[in-house]
């Protein structure tokens, strides 16, 4: 009985992951990747999904929500944002941080 229940949970876990969209990409500033550990957050409605950049400025998130979402990068005490779309499949966003005056902005590469 325990084995059957465990098998059902494993199958359900894979089924949920199959419908989740993946958002991945990189964040750079001045042609160089941002440092490891920079927080990247995607907000879809009231749901938040967060990840951190790796040593190459790359990130990846699984976002089960579909539609327009907001991606935020927490960088040097600021939170520039960029509108993204989440799909059932995979979408890539390579982003560039630009400093305009004292404020950072995000744009797509």
Protein backbone atom coordinates (compact mmCIF):
# COMPACT_ATOMS: atom_id res chain seq x y z
CA UNK A 1 0.00 0.00 0.00
CA UNK A 2 2.80 2.42 0.86
CA UNK A 3 4.57 1.64 -2.43
CA UNK A 4 1.42 2.31 -4.44
CA UNK A 5 0.85 5.61 -2.68
CA UNK A 6 4.46 6.65 -3.23
CA UNK A 7 4.19 5.76 -6.91
CA UNK A 8 1.06 7.91 -7.27
CA UNK A 9 2.86 10.91 -5.70
CA UNK A 10 5.86 10.48 -8.01
CA UNK A 11 3.63 10.34 -11.09
CA UNK A 12 1.66 13.40 -9.98
CA UNK A 13 4.90 15.30 -9.33
CA UNK A 14 6.10 14.63 -12.89
CA UNK A 15 2.72 15.60 -14.32
CA UNK A 16 2.81 19.00 -12.60
CA UNK A 17 6.38 19.66 -13.78
CA UNK A 18 5.41 18.78 -17.35
CA UNK A 19 2.89 21.64 -17.47
CA UNK A 20 5.21 24.19 -15.90
CA UNK A 21 6.89 26.73 -18.12
CA UNK A 22 10.58 27.40 -17.83
CA UNK A 23 11.96 30.93 -17.94
CA UNK A 24 15.72 31.10 -18.20
CA UNK A 25 18.41 33.48 -19.36
CA UNK A 26 21.19 35.71 -18.15
CA UNK A 27 21.72 39.13 -16.63
CA UNK A 28 24.72 41.28 -17.54
CA UNK A 29 26.00 44.79 -16.93
CA UNK A 30 28.62 46.48 -19.07
CA UNK A 31 29.16 43.35 -21.15
CA UNK A 32 29.97 41.23 -18.09
CA UNK A 33 27.69 38.86 -16.18
CA UNK A 34 26.40 39.98 -12.81
CA UNK A 35 27.82 38.27 -9.74
CA UNK A 36 26.59 34.96 -8.41
CA UNK A 37 23.66 35.18 -6.00
CA UNK A 38 21.74 38.10 -7.55
CA UNK A 39 18.03 37.48 -6.89
CA UNK A 40 15.74 37.18 -9.92
CA UNK A 41 12.00 37.07 -9.25
CA UNK A 42 9.05 36.52 -11.58
CA UNK A 43 5.61 37.69 -10.44
CA UNK A 44 2.49 36.41 -12.17
CA UNK A 45 -0.62 37.82 -10.52
CA UNK A 46 -0.17 37.13 -6.82
CA UNK A 47 2.32 34.29 -7.33
CA UNK A 48 6.09 34.84 -6.98
CA UNK A 49 8.86 32.57 -8.24
CA UNK A 50 12.47 33.32 -7.34
CA UNK A 51 15.95 32.13 -8.26
CA UNK A 52 19.51 33.38 -7.99
CA UNK A 53 22.10 33.89 -10.68
CA UNK A 54 24.99 31.47 -10.96
CA UNK A 55 28.67 32.36 -11.52
CA UNK A 56 27.89 33.17 -15.18
CA UNK A 57 24.95 35.50 -14.46
CA UNK A 58 22.47 32.83 -15.59
CA UNK A 59 19.15 31.98 -13.98
CA UNK A 60 16.28 29.55 -14.50
CA UNK A 61 12.82 29.38 -12.99
CA UNK A 62 9.83 27.09 -13.36
CA UNK A 63 6.68 29.20 -13.67
CA UNK A 64 3.41 27.23 -13.87
CA UNK A 65 1.37 30.40 -14.58
CA UNK A 66 0.84 31.43 -18.19
CA UNK A 67 0.59 34.94 -19.59
CA UNK A 68 2.18 38.30 -18.85
CA UNK A 69 4.41 38.43 -15.81
CA UNK A 70 6.96 40.82 -14.32
CA UNK A 71 10.61 39.85 -13.92
CA UNK A 72 12.56 41.77 -11.27
CA UNK A 73 16.29 41.79 -10.63
CA UNK A 74 17.44 42.76 -7.13
CA UNK A 75 20.71 44.54 -7.86
CA UNK A 76 22.72 47.00 -5.73
CA UNK A 77 19.75 48.07 -3.63
CA UNK A 78 17.48 48.58 -6.65
CA UNK A 79 14.80 46.47 -8.30
CA UNK A 80 14.54 47.16 -12.02
CA UNK A 81 11.76 45.19 -13.71
CA UNK A 82 10.90 43.90 -17.18
CA UNK A 83 7.65 42.47 -18.58
CA UNK A 84 7.96 38.83 -19.68
CA UNK A 85 5.59 36.20 -21.06
CA UNK A 86 5.29 32.77 -19.51
CA UNK A 87 4.28 29.87 -21.72
CA UNK A 88 3.73 26.16 -21.25
CA UNK A 89 7.11 25.64 -22.91
CA UNK A 90 10.48 27.29 -22.47
CA UNK A 91 11.32 30.95 -23.05
CA UNK A 92 14.71 32.66 -22.85
CA UNK A 93 15.36 36.21 -21.65
CA UNK A 94 18.92 37.52 -21.80
CA UNK A 95 18.79 40.87 -20.04
CA UNK A 96 21.12 43.84 -19.79
CA UNK A 97 21.25 46.14 -16.77
CA UNK A 98 21.84 49.76 -17.79
CA UNK A 99 22.39 52.64 -15.43
CA UNK A 100 20.51 55.78 -16.43
CA UNK A 101 21.49 58.49 -14.01
CA UNK A 102 21.24 56.87 -10.58
CA UNK A 103 18.65 54.27 -11.63
CA UNK A 104 19.11 50.84 -13.22
CA UNK A 105 16.83 49.69 -16.03
CA UNK A 106 16.50 46.32 -17.73
CA UNK A 107 16.33 45.70 -21.45
CA UNK A 108 16.44 42.60 -23.56
CA UNK A 109 19.70 41.77 -25.30
